[in-house]
Amino acid sequence: MPVTIPSNPFEFESIRILLKAAILIILVLYAIFALVVVRQVNLMSQTLITKVSPVLKALSLLNVGFAVGLIVLVWGIL
């Protein structure tokens, strides 16, 4: 019985599922990193009070929103 090798390696459903899971895990890790950044910015703002602190807090929260939005978007696409 001849063995056929598919020309497209992404034809296997298990590889697709593994790839989807890996992408989502990476995005979740990025979201956790973004939350750590928010915590660090808050600690920095309490320690070193400057005029730029509110802007940095807003940017860090925007980063978290972007990370969560990206997870939702990719979950919907995949």
Protein backbone atom coordinates (compact mmCIF):
# COMPACT_ATOMS: atom_id res chain seq x y z
CA MET A 1 0.00 0.00 0.00
CA PRO A 2 1.63 3.28 -1.06
CA VAL A 3 1.98 6.04 1.49
CA THR A 4 1.01 9.49 0.27
CA ILE A 5 2.69 12.54 1.73
CA PRO A 6 0.52 15.64 1.58
CA SER A 7 2.03 18.57 -0.27
CA ASN A 8 0.68 21.06 2.28
CA PRO A 9 1.86 20.29 5.84
CA PHE A 10 -0.99 22.39 7.31
CA GLU A 11 -3.62 19.97 6.01
CA PHE A 12 -3.48 18.05 9.24
CA GLU A 13 -6.15 19.20 11.67
CA SER A 14 -4.00 18.40 14.70
CA ILE A 15 -1.29 20.79 13.51
CA ARG A 16 -3.87 23.54 13.05
CA ILE A 17 -5.26 23.02 16.54
CA LEU A 18 -1.76 23.04 18.00
CA LEU A 19 -0.92 26.25 16.13
CA LYS A 20 -4.13 27.93 17.30
CA ALA A 21 -3.45 26.92 20.89
CA ALA A 22 0.12 28.21 20.68
CA ILE A 23 -1.02 31.57 19.30
CA LEU A 24 -3.63 31.97 22.03
CA ILE A 25 -1.16 31.01 24.76
CA ILE A 26 1.34 33.58 23.49
CA LEU A 27 -1.36 36.26 23.45
CA VAL A 28 -2.45 35.39 26.99
CA LEU A 29 1.16 35.67 28.14
CA TYR A 30 1.35 39.08 26.46
CA ALA A 31 -1.81 40.16 28.31
CA ILE A 32 -0.30 39.04 31.61
CA PHE A 33 2.84 41.01 30.77
CA ALA A 34 0.67 44.06 30.03
CA LEU A 35 -0.95 43.73 33.46
CA VAL A 36 2.50 43.58 35.06
CA VAL A 37 3.41 46.75 33.17
CA VAL A 38 0.32 48.49 34.58
CA ARG A 39 1.34 47.48 38.09
CA GLN A 40 4.89 48.71 37.57
CA VAL A 41 3.69 52.03 36.13
CA ASN A 42 1.41 52.53 39.13
CA LEU A 43 4.26 51.81 41.54
CA MET A 44 6.53 54.17 39.61
CA SER A 45 3.88 56.89 39.63
CA GLN A 46 3.52 56.63 43.39
CA THR A 47 7.28 56.78 43.91
CA LEU A 48 8.22 59.38 41.33
CA ILE A 49 5.51 62.00 40.88
CA THR A 50 5.83 63.87 37.59
CA LYS A 51 3.59 65.55 35.05
CA VAL A 52 3.97 62.58 32.73
CA SER A 53 2.60 60.00 35.20
CA PRO A 54 -1.06 60.24 34.11
CA VAL A 55 -0.03 59.86 30.47
CA LEU A 56 2.02 56.77 31.27
CA LYS A 57 -0.87 55.28 33.25
CA ALA A 58 -3.21 55.90 30.33
CA LEU A 59 -0.76 54.31 27.88
CA SER A 60 -0.32 51.25 30.09
CA LEU A 61 -4.10 50.81 30.35
CA LEU A 62 -4.37 51.25 26.59
CA ASN A 63 -1.78 48.50 26.23
CA VAL A 64 -3.90 46.17 28.38
CA GLY A 65 -6.97 47.01 26.34
CA PHE A 66 -5.07 46.30 23.15
CA ALA A 67 -3.84 42.95 24.49
CA VAL A 68 -7.31 41.84 25.58
CA GLY A 69 -8.86 43.09 22.35
CA LEU A 70 -6.27 41.19 20.36
CA ILE A 71 -7.11 37.99 22.24
CA VAL A 72 -10.82 38.46 21.51
CA LEU A 73 -10.13 39.24 17.85
CA VAL A 74 -7.87 36.25 17.34
CA TRP A 75 -10.30 33.97 19.22
CA GLY A 76 -13.01 35.05 16.81
CA ILE A 77 -10.83 34.60 13.73
CA LEU A 78 -9.39 31.23 14.72
